[in-house]
Amino acid sequence: MRSQLFHLRPEFPERPKRGAGLLEVAPWVDVVMLLILLLLSFSIAIRKPGLVVNLPAVPAASGARYDAYVLTVPREGVYYFDDARVSPAILAGRLRAVANSKPDHELIIEADGALSHRALSEIYNLAAAAGWSRIVLATRIDAAPEAAGKARP
């Protein structure tokens, strides 16, 4: 009887071994994931191209809202609004359109320190006439206001 029971034991056919070759998938997936991680970490460190604007220095400054619109004026007659170059002919229309669609936002004017007072006043008045109720003039905070005050006669 015992010999009959062992005879009923199932026999499974041998399966071919997978992954026994040189190219297994798991290490290559790890390498690809590490490369993606490195590319993402280095792409975060790349700076966005922008304009060089020499902002005037002041001893103290108040902050501006993070979601404010920015009008950058690196020199007279050149305007960048909302990260795009805008010609002087259509600047008033663009300012008016955004001011009407988003009246609770504020406008930051980043004007170069070499810009004349007259040009800066005209830009400010243009923005106010377009409907902006909150206009901020961008400056950079002076690193040592006491030293700068003592150096001047």
N, C-alpha and C. Protein backbone atom coordinates (compact mmCIF):
# COMPACT_ATOMS: atom_id res chain seq x y z
N MET A 1 0.82 -1.19 0.00
CA MET A 1 0.00 0.00 0.00
C MET A 1 0.87 1.26 0.00
N ARG A 2 1.94 1.14 0.76
CA ARG A 2 2.81 2.30 0.83
C ARG A 2 3.41 2.61 -0.53
N SER A 3 3.77 1.64 -1.28
CA SER A 3 4.33 1.89 -2.60
C SER A 3 3.31 2.54 -3.52
N GLN A 4 2.06 2.28 -3.29
CA GLN A 4 1.03 2.90 -4.12
C GLN A 4 0.90 4.40 -3.79
N LEU A 5 1.06 4.76 -2.54
CA LEU A 5 0.96 6.17 -2.15
C LEU A 5 2.10 7.00 -2.73
N PHE A 6 3.31 6.46 -2.71
CA PHE A 6 4.42 7.21 -3.26
C PHE A 6 4.33 7.30 -4.78
N HIS A 7 3.65 6.41 -5.34
CA HIS A 7 3.46 6.46 -6.78
C HIS A 7 2.53 7.60 -7.19
N LEU A 8 1.64 8.00 -6.27
CA LEU A 8 0.68 9.06 -6.57
C LEU A 8 1.26 10.47 -6.36
N ARG A 9 2.46 10.54 -5.89
CA ARG A 9 3.08 11.84 -5.66
C ARG A 9 3.23 12.57 -7.00
N PRO A 10 2.79 13.87 -7.06
CA PRO A 10 2.87 14.58 -8.34
C PRO A 10 4.31 14.92 -8.69
N GLU A 11 4.59 14.87 -9.93
CA GLU A 11 5.90 15.26 -10.43
C GLU A 11 5.71 16.51 -11.29
N PHE A 12 6.48 17.56 -10.97
CA PHE A 12 6.39 18.82 -11.69
C PHE A 12 7.52 18.90 -12.71
N PRO A 13 7.18 19.37 -13.89
CA PRO A 13 8.25 19.48 -14.89
C PRO A 13 9.18 20.64 -14.51
N GLU A 14 10.43 20.52 -14.85
CA GLU A 14 11.39 21.58 -14.54
C GLU A 14 11.14 22.79 -15.44
N ARG A 15 11.16 23.96 -14.79
CA ARG A 15 10.98 25.20 -15.55
C ARG A 15 12.36 25.74 -15.93
N PRO A 16 12.40 26.43 -17.06
CA PRO A 16 13.70 27.04 -17.40
C PRO A 16 13.99 28.19 -16.43
N LYS A 17 15.24 28.36 -16.04
CA LYS A 17 15.62 29.41 -15.11
C LYS A 17 15.63 30.76 -15.84
N ARG A 18 14.99 31.72 -15.18
CA ARG A 18 14.97 33.07 -15.77
C ARG A 18 15.97 33.93 -15.02
N GLY A 19 16.53 34.89 -15.72
CA GLY A 19 17.44 35.84 -15.08
C GLY A 19 18.80 35.27 -14.81
N ALA A 20 19.15 34.20 -15.42
CA ALA A 20 20.46 33.62 -15.18
C ALA A 20 21.51 34.22 -16.10
N GLY A 21 21.08 35.06 -17.05
CA GLY A 21 22.01 35.66 -17.99
C GLY A 21 22.72 36.85 -17.40
N LEU A 22 23.49 37.57 -18.22
CA LEU A 22 24.24 38.72 -17.75
C LEU A 22 23.35 39.94 -17.52
N LEU A 23 22.23 40.03 -18.23
CA LEU A 23 21.39 41.22 -18.14
C LEU A 23 20.15 40.93 -17.30
N GLU A 24 20.25 41.20 -16.04
CA GLU A 24 19.06 41.11 -15.20
C GLU A 24 18.42 42.48 -15.17
N VAL A 25 17.15 42.54 -14.95
CA VAL A 25 16.41 43.79 -15.07
C VAL A 25 16.55 44.68 -13.83
N ALA A 26 16.53 44.14 -12.65
CA ALA A 26 16.51 44.93 -11.42
C ALA A 26 17.70 45.89 -11.29
N PRO A 27 18.94 45.48 -11.53
CA PRO A 27 20.03 46.46 -11.42
C PRO A 27 19.93 47.59 -12.43
N TRP A 28 19.43 47.29 -13.63
CA TRP A 28 19.30 48.34 -14.64
C TRP A 28 18.20 49.33 -14.27
N VAL A 29 17.16 48.85 -13.63
CA VAL A 29 16.11 49.77 -13.16
C VAL A 29 16.68 50.69 -12.09
N ASP A 30 17.51 50.14 -11.21
CA ASP A 30 18.14 50.97 -10.17
C ASP A 30 19.04 52.04 -10.79
N VAL A 31 19.80 51.67 -11.79
CA VAL A 31 20.70 52.63 -12.44
C VAL A 31 19.89 53.75 -13.11
N VAL A 32 18.82 53.40 -13.79
CA VAL A 32 17.99 54.40 -14.46
C VAL A 32 17.35 55.33 -13.44
N MET A 33 16.87 54.78 -12.34
CA MET A 33 16.26 55.63 -11.30
C MET A 33 17.29 56.58 -10.69
N LEU A 34 18.51 56.12 -10.47
CA LEU A 34 19.55 57.01 -9.95
C LEU A 34 19.89 58.11 -10.94
N LEU A 35 19.95 57.79 -12.22
CA LEU A 35 20.22 58.82 -13.22
C LEU A 35 19.11 59.86 -13.27
N ILE A 36 17.88 59.42 -13.18
CA ILE A 36 16.75 60.36 -13.17
C ILE A 36 16.83 61.26 -11.95
N LEU A 37 17.15 60.68 -10.80
CA LEU A 37 17.27 61.47 -9.57
C LEU A 37 18.38 62.51 -9.69
N LEU A 38 19.52 62.12 -10.25
CA LEU A 38 20.61 63.07 -10.43
C LEU A 38 20.25 64.18 -11.41
N LEU A 39 19.61 63.83 -12.51
CA LEU A 39 19.21 64.85 -13.48
C LEU A 39 18.23 65.84 -12.88
N LEU A 40 17.28 65.35 -12.10
CA LEU A 40 16.32 66.25 -11.46
C LEU A 40 16.99 67.15 -10.44
N SER A 41 17.92 66.61 -9.67
CA SER A 41 18.56 67.45 -8.66
C SER A 41 19.45 68.52 -9.30
N PHE A 42 20.12 68.20 -10.41
CA PHE A 42 20.94 69.21 -11.07
C PHE A 42 20.11 70.22 -11.84
N SER A 43 18.96 69.82 -12.36
CA SER A 43 18.14 70.77 -13.11
C SER A 43 17.51 71.81 -12.19
N ILE A 44 17.32 71.50 -10.92
CA ILE A 44 16.78 72.47 -9.98
C ILE A 44 17.81 73.57 -9.73
N ALA A 45 19.09 73.25 -9.78
CA ALA A 45 20.14 74.23 -9.49
C ALA A 45 20.42 75.16 -10.65
N ILE A 46 19.92 74.87 -11.83
CA ILE A 46 20.16 75.72 -13.00
C ILE A 46 19.34 76.99 -12.86
N ARG A 47 19.98 78.12 -13.03
CA ARG A 47 19.29 79.40 -12.89
C ARG A 47 18.51 79.74 -14.13
N LYS A 48 17.41 80.44 -13.90
CA LYS A 48 16.59 80.92 -15.01
C LYS A 48 17.24 82.18 -15.57
N PRO A 49 17.34 82.30 -16.89
CA PRO A 49 17.95 83.51 -17.44
C PRO A 49 17.09 84.73 -17.12
N GLY A 50 17.73 85.81 -16.86
CA GLY A 50 16.98 87.00 -16.50
C GLY A 50 17.73 88.26 -16.84
N LEU A 51 17.21 89.35 -16.38
CA LEU A 51 17.79 90.65 -16.64
C LEU A 51 18.61 91.10 -15.44
N VAL A 52 19.63 91.87 -15.73
CA VAL A 52 20.42 92.46 -14.66
C VAL A 52 19.89 93.87 -14.46
N VAL A 53 19.32 94.10 -13.30
CA VAL A 53 18.79 95.41 -12.95
C VAL A 53 19.48 95.86 -11.68
N ASN A 54 20.14 96.99 -11.74
CA ASN A 54 20.83 97.53 -10.58
C ASN A 54 19.82 98.34 -9.76
N LEU A 55 19.20 97.68 -8.79
CA LEU A 55 18.20 98.35 -7.97
C LEU A 55 18.87 99.30 -6.99
N PRO A 56 18.23 100.43 -6.69
CA PRO A 56 18.80 101.35 -5.70
C PRO A 56 18.75 100.73 -4.31
N ALA A 57 19.76 101.04 -3.51
CA ALA A 57 19.83 100.50 -2.15
C ALA A 57 19.15 101.44 -1.17
N VAL A 58 18.44 100.86 -0.21
CA VAL A 58 17.78 101.63 0.85
C VAL A 58 18.10 100.97 2.18
N PRO A 59 18.08 101.73 3.29
CA PRO A 59 18.41 101.14 4.58
C PRO A 59 17.34 100.16 5.09
N ALA A 60 16.09 100.38 4.79
CA ALA A 60 15.02 99.48 5.26
C ALA A 60 13.97 99.40 4.16
N ALA A 61 13.31 98.28 4.09
CA ALA A 61 12.30 98.11 3.05
C ALA A 61 11.17 97.25 3.57
N SER A 62 9.99 97.51 3.06
CA SER A 62 8.85 96.65 3.38
C SER A 62 8.73 95.62 2.28
N GLY A 63 8.04 94.54 2.57
CA GLY A 63 7.94 93.45 1.62
C GLY A 63 6.80 93.64 0.63
N ALA A 64 6.79 92.79 -0.37
CA ALA A 64 5.74 92.78 -1.37
C ALA A 64 5.14 91.38 -1.40
N ARG A 65 3.97 91.27 -1.94
CA ARG A 65 3.29 89.98 -2.02
C ARG A 65 4.02 89.06 -2.99
N TYR A 66 3.93 87.77 -2.70
CA TYR A 66 4.60 86.78 -3.52
C TYR A 66 3.97 86.66 -4.90
N ASP A 67 2.67 86.85 -5.01
CA ASP A 67 1.97 86.67 -6.28
C ASP A 67 1.83 87.97 -7.07
N ALA A 68 2.65 88.96 -6.75
CA ALA A 68 2.56 90.25 -7.43
C ALA A 68 3.09 90.15 -8.86
N TYR A 69 2.57 91.02 -9.70
CA TYR A 69 3.07 91.13 -11.08
C TYR A 69 4.28 92.06 -11.08
N VAL A 70 5.23 91.78 -11.97
CA VAL A 70 6.48 92.55 -11.98
C VAL A 70 6.64 93.24 -13.33
N LEU A 71 6.91 94.53 -13.28
CA LEU A 71 7.26 95.32 -14.45
C LEU A 71 8.73 95.69 -14.29
N THR A 72 9.59 95.13 -15.15
CA THR A 72 11.02 95.37 -15.06
C THR A 72 11.44 96.37 -16.13
N VAL A 73 12.19 97.39 -15.70
CA VAL A 73 12.67 98.43 -16.61
C VAL A 73 14.18 98.53 -16.45
N PRO A 74 14.96 97.77 -17.29
CA PRO A 74 16.41 97.82 -17.15
C PRO A 74 17.03 99.12 -17.66
N ARG A 75 16.39 99.77 -18.62
CA ARG A 75 16.83 101.08 -19.12
C ARG A 75 15.62 101.76 -19.77
N GLU A 76 15.75 103.02 -20.06
CA GLU A 76 14.62 103.77 -20.61
C GLU A 76 14.16 103.20 -21.94
N GLY A 77 12.86 103.02 -22.08
CA GLY A 77 12.27 102.54 -23.32
C GLY A 77 12.20 101.03 -23.46
N VAL A 78 12.71 100.27 -22.48
CA VAL A 78 12.67 98.81 -22.52
C VAL A 78 11.85 98.33 -21.34
N TYR A 79 10.81 97.52 -21.63
CA TYR A 79 9.89 97.06 -20.58
C TYR A 79 9.71 95.54 -20.66
N TYR A 80 9.70 94.90 -19.50
CA TYR A 80 9.38 93.48 -19.39
C TYR A 80 8.25 93.36 -18.37
N PHE A 81 7.12 92.82 -18.82
CA PHE A 81 5.98 92.65 -17.93
C PHE A 81 5.53 91.20 -17.98
N ASP A 82 5.43 90.61 -16.82
CA ASP A 82 4.98 89.21 -16.68
C ASP A 82 5.89 88.28 -17.49
N ASP A 83 7.22 88.47 -17.35
CA ASP A 83 8.26 87.66 -17.99
C ASP A 83 8.25 87.70 -19.51
N ALA A 84 7.77 88.77 -20.09
CA ALA A 84 7.78 88.91 -21.55
C ALA A 84 8.12 90.37 -21.89
N ARG A 85 8.89 90.54 -22.96
CA ARG A 85 9.23 91.90 -23.39
C ARG A 85 8.00 92.53 -24.02
N VAL A 86 7.73 93.77 -23.62
CA VAL A 86 6.54 94.49 -24.08
C VAL A 86 7.00 95.81 -24.70
N SER A 87 6.46 96.12 -25.85
CA SER A 87 6.82 97.39 -26.48
C SER A 87 6.12 98.54 -25.75
N PRO A 88 6.70 99.73 -25.78
CA PRO A 88 6.08 100.86 -25.09
C PRO A 88 4.68 101.19 -25.60
N ALA A 89 4.39 100.85 -26.86
CA ALA A 89 3.08 101.17 -27.43
C ALA A 89 1.96 100.34 -26.81
N ILE A 90 2.25 99.11 -26.42
CA ILE A 90 1.18 98.26 -25.88
C ILE A 90 1.28 98.06 -24.37
N LEU A 91 2.26 98.71 -23.72
CA LEU A 91 2.43 98.52 -22.28
C LEU A 91 1.19 98.96 -21.50
N ALA A 92 0.63 100.11 -21.82
CA ALA A 92 -0.54 100.60 -21.09
C ALA A 92 -1.72 99.64 -21.23
N GLY A 93 -1.92 99.10 -22.42
CA GLY A 93 -3.02 98.15 -22.63
C GLY A 93 -2.83 96.87 -21.84
N ARG A 94 -1.59 96.34 -21.80
CA ARG A 94 -1.32 95.12 -21.02
C ARG A 94 -1.52 95.36 -19.53
N LEU A 95 -1.03 96.52 -19.05
CA LEU A 95 -1.21 96.85 -17.64
C LEU A 95 -2.69 96.98 -17.29
N ARG A 96 -3.45 97.63 -18.16
CA ARG A 96 -4.88 97.82 -17.92
C ARG A 96 -5.63 96.49 -17.92
N ALA A 97 -5.29 95.60 -18.86
CA ALA A 97 -5.98 94.31 -18.96
C ALA A 97 -5.77 93.47 -17.70
N VAL A 98 -4.53 93.44 -17.20
CA VAL A 98 -4.26 92.64 -16.00
C VAL A 98 -4.87 93.30 -14.77
N ALA A 99 -4.79 94.62 -14.69
CA ALA A 99 -5.37 95.33 -13.53
C ALA A 99 -6.88 95.13 -13.46
N ASN A 100 -7.55 95.09 -14.61
CA ASN A 100 -9.00 94.87 -14.62
C ASN A 100 -9.37 93.44 -14.30
N SER A 101 -8.56 92.47 -14.74
CA SER A 101 -8.90 91.06 -14.49
C SER A 101 -8.52 90.63 -13.08
N LYS A 102 -7.51 91.24 -12.49
CA LYS A 102 -7.07 90.87 -11.13
C LYS A 102 -6.86 92.14 -10.31
N PRO A 103 -7.92 92.76 -9.84
CA PRO A 103 -7.77 94.04 -9.15
C PRO A 103 -7.13 93.94 -7.76
N ASP A 104 -7.10 92.75 -7.15
CA ASP A 104 -6.53 92.64 -5.80
C ASP A 104 -5.03 92.39 -5.80
N HIS A 105 -4.42 92.22 -6.97
CA HIS A 105 -2.98 92.00 -7.05
C HIS A 105 -2.23 93.33 -7.02
N GLU A 106 -0.94 93.25 -6.73
CA GLU A 106 -0.14 94.47 -6.74
C GLU A 106 0.92 94.38 -7.82
N LEU A 107 1.43 95.53 -8.19
CA LEU A 107 2.44 95.64 -9.24
C LEU A 107 3.75 96.08 -8.61
N ILE A 108 4.81 95.35 -8.93
CA ILE A 108 6.15 95.72 -8.48
C ILE A 108 6.89 96.30 -9.68
N ILE A 109 7.40 97.49 -9.53
CA ILE A 109 8.19 98.12 -10.59
C ILE A 109 9.66 97.97 -10.22
N GLU A 110 10.38 97.17 -11.00
CA GLU A 110 11.82 97.00 -10.81
C GLU A 110 12.51 97.90 -11.82
N ALA A 111 12.92 99.06 -11.39
CA ALA A 111 13.57 100.02 -12.28
C ALA A 111 15.04 100.12 -11.93
N ASP A 112 15.88 100.17 -12.95
CA ASP A 112 17.31 100.31 -12.75
C ASP A 112 17.60 101.62 -12.03
N GLY A 113 18.66 101.60 -11.20
CA GLY A 113 19.03 102.80 -10.45
C GLY A 113 19.45 103.95 -11.33
N ALA A 114 19.90 103.66 -12.55
CA ALA A 114 20.34 104.72 -13.47
C ALA A 114 19.17 105.36 -14.20
N LEU A 115 17.98 104.82 -14.05
CA LEU A 115 16.80 105.37 -14.72
C LEU A 115 16.49 106.75 -14.14
N SER A 116 16.14 107.70 -15.01
CA SER A 116 15.88 109.06 -14.53
C SER A 116 14.59 109.11 -13.71
N HIS A 117 14.53 110.09 -12.85
CA HIS A 117 13.35 110.27 -12.00
C HIS A 117 12.11 110.54 -12.85
N ARG A 118 12.30 111.27 -13.92
CA ARG A 118 11.17 111.58 -14.81
C ARG A 118 10.62 110.30 -15.44
N ALA A 119 11.49 109.43 -15.93
CA ALA A 119 11.05 108.18 -16.54
C ALA A 119 10.34 107.29 -15.53
N LEU A 120 10.88 107.22 -14.31
CA LEU A 120 10.25 106.40 -13.28
C LEU A 120 8.89 106.97 -12.89
N SER A 121 8.77 108.29 -12.83
CA SER A 121 7.48 108.91 -12.52
C SER A 121 6.45 108.63 -13.62
N GLU A 122 6.89 108.67 -14.88
CA GLU A 122 5.98 108.38 -15.98
C GLU A 122 5.50 106.93 -15.95
N ILE A 123 6.38 106.01 -15.61
CA ILE A 123 5.98 104.59 -15.51
C ILE A 123 5.00 104.40 -14.37
N TYR A 124 5.27 105.04 -13.24
CA TYR A 124 4.38 104.94 -12.08
C TYR A 124 3.00 105.51 -12.42
N ASN A 125 2.97 106.67 -13.07
CA ASN A 125 1.70 107.27 -13.44
C ASN A 125 0.96 106.44 -14.49
N LEU A 126 1.68 105.81 -15.39
CA LEU A 126 1.08 104.94 -16.39
C LEU A 126 0.39 103.75 -15.71
N ALA A 127 1.06 103.16 -14.72
CA ALA A 127 0.47 102.03 -13.99
C ALA A 127 -0.74 102.47 -13.17
N ALA A 128 -0.65 103.62 -12.55
CA ALA A 128 -1.79 104.11 -11.76
C ALA A 128 -2.98 104.42 -12.66
N ALA A 129 -2.73 105.00 -13.82
CA ALA A 129 -3.82 105.30 -14.76
C ALA A 129 -4.42 104.02 -15.34
N ALA A 130 -3.63 102.93 -15.39
CA ALA A 130 -4.14 101.66 -15.91
C ALA A 130 -5.05 100.97 -14.91
N GLY A 131 -5.06 101.41 -13.67
CA GLY A 131 -5.97 100.83 -12.69
C GLY A 131 -5.31 100.09 -11.55
N TRP A 132 -4.00 100.12 -11.46
CA TRP A 132 -3.33 99.45 -10.35
C TRP A 132 -3.47 100.30 -9.10
N SER A 133 -4.01 99.72 -8.05
CA SER A 133 -4.19 100.47 -6.81
C SER A 133 -3.01 100.28 -5.86
N ARG A 134 -2.28 99.18 -6.00
CA ARG A 134 -1.11 98.92 -5.16
C ARG A 134 0.12 98.79 -6.05
N ILE A 135 1.00 99.78 -5.96
CA ILE A 135 2.22 99.80 -6.76
C ILE A 135 3.40 99.90 -5.80
N VAL A 136 4.36 99.00 -5.98
CA VAL A 136 5.55 98.96 -5.11
C VAL A 136 6.77 99.19 -5.98
N LEU A 137 7.67 100.07 -5.54
CA LEU A 137 8.94 100.29 -6.22
C LEU A 137 9.97 99.36 -5.58
N ALA A 138 10.57 98.49 -6.38
CA ALA A 138 11.53 97.52 -5.87
C ALA A 138 12.86 98.18 -5.55
N THR A 139 13.44 97.78 -4.44
CA THR A 139 14.76 98.24 -4.03
C THR A 139 15.51 97.03 -3.46
N ARG A 140 16.78 97.22 -3.24
CA ARG A 140 17.53 96.17 -2.54
C ARG A 140 17.91 96.73 -1.18
N ILE A 141 17.93 95.84 -0.21
CA ILE A 141 18.23 96.27 1.16
C ILE A 141 19.72 96.46 1.29
N ASP A 142 20.11 97.61 1.81
CA ASP A 142 21.51 97.92 2.01
C ASP A 142 22.05 97.03 3.12
N ALA A 143 23.22 96.42 2.90
CA ALA A 143 23.78 95.47 3.86
C ALA A 143 24.19 96.15 5.16
N ALA A 144 24.72 97.34 5.08
CA ALA A 144 25.18 98.04 6.28
C ALA A 144 24.68 99.47 6.24
N PRO A 145 23.44 99.70 6.69
CA PRO A 145 22.92 101.07 6.60
C PRO A 145 23.66 102.05 7.49
N GLU A 146 24.19 101.61 8.64
CA GLU A 146 24.91 102.53 9.52
C GLU A 146 26.23 102.97 8.88
N ALA A 147 26.92 102.00 8.27
CA ALA A 147 28.20 102.32 7.62
C ALA A 147 28.00 103.24 6.43
N ALA A 148 26.92 103.03 5.68
CA ALA A 148 26.65 103.88 4.53
C ALA A 148 26.31 105.28 4.98
N GLY A 149 25.62 105.42 6.09
CA GLY A 149 25.24 106.74 6.61
C GLY A 149 26.45 107.50 7.13
N LYS A 150 27.42 106.77 7.72
CA LYS A 150 28.60 107.43 8.26
C LYS A 150 29.59 107.82 7.17
N ALA A 151 29.58 107.08 6.06
CA ALA A 151 30.52 107.36 4.99
C ALA A 151 30.17 108.63 4.24
N ARG A 152 28.90 108.98 4.25
CA ARG A 152 28.48 110.19 3.53
C ARG A 152 28.71 111.41 4.41
N PRO A 153 29.20 112.52 3.81
CA PRO A 153 29.42 113.74 4.59
C PRO A 153 28.14 114.46 4.87
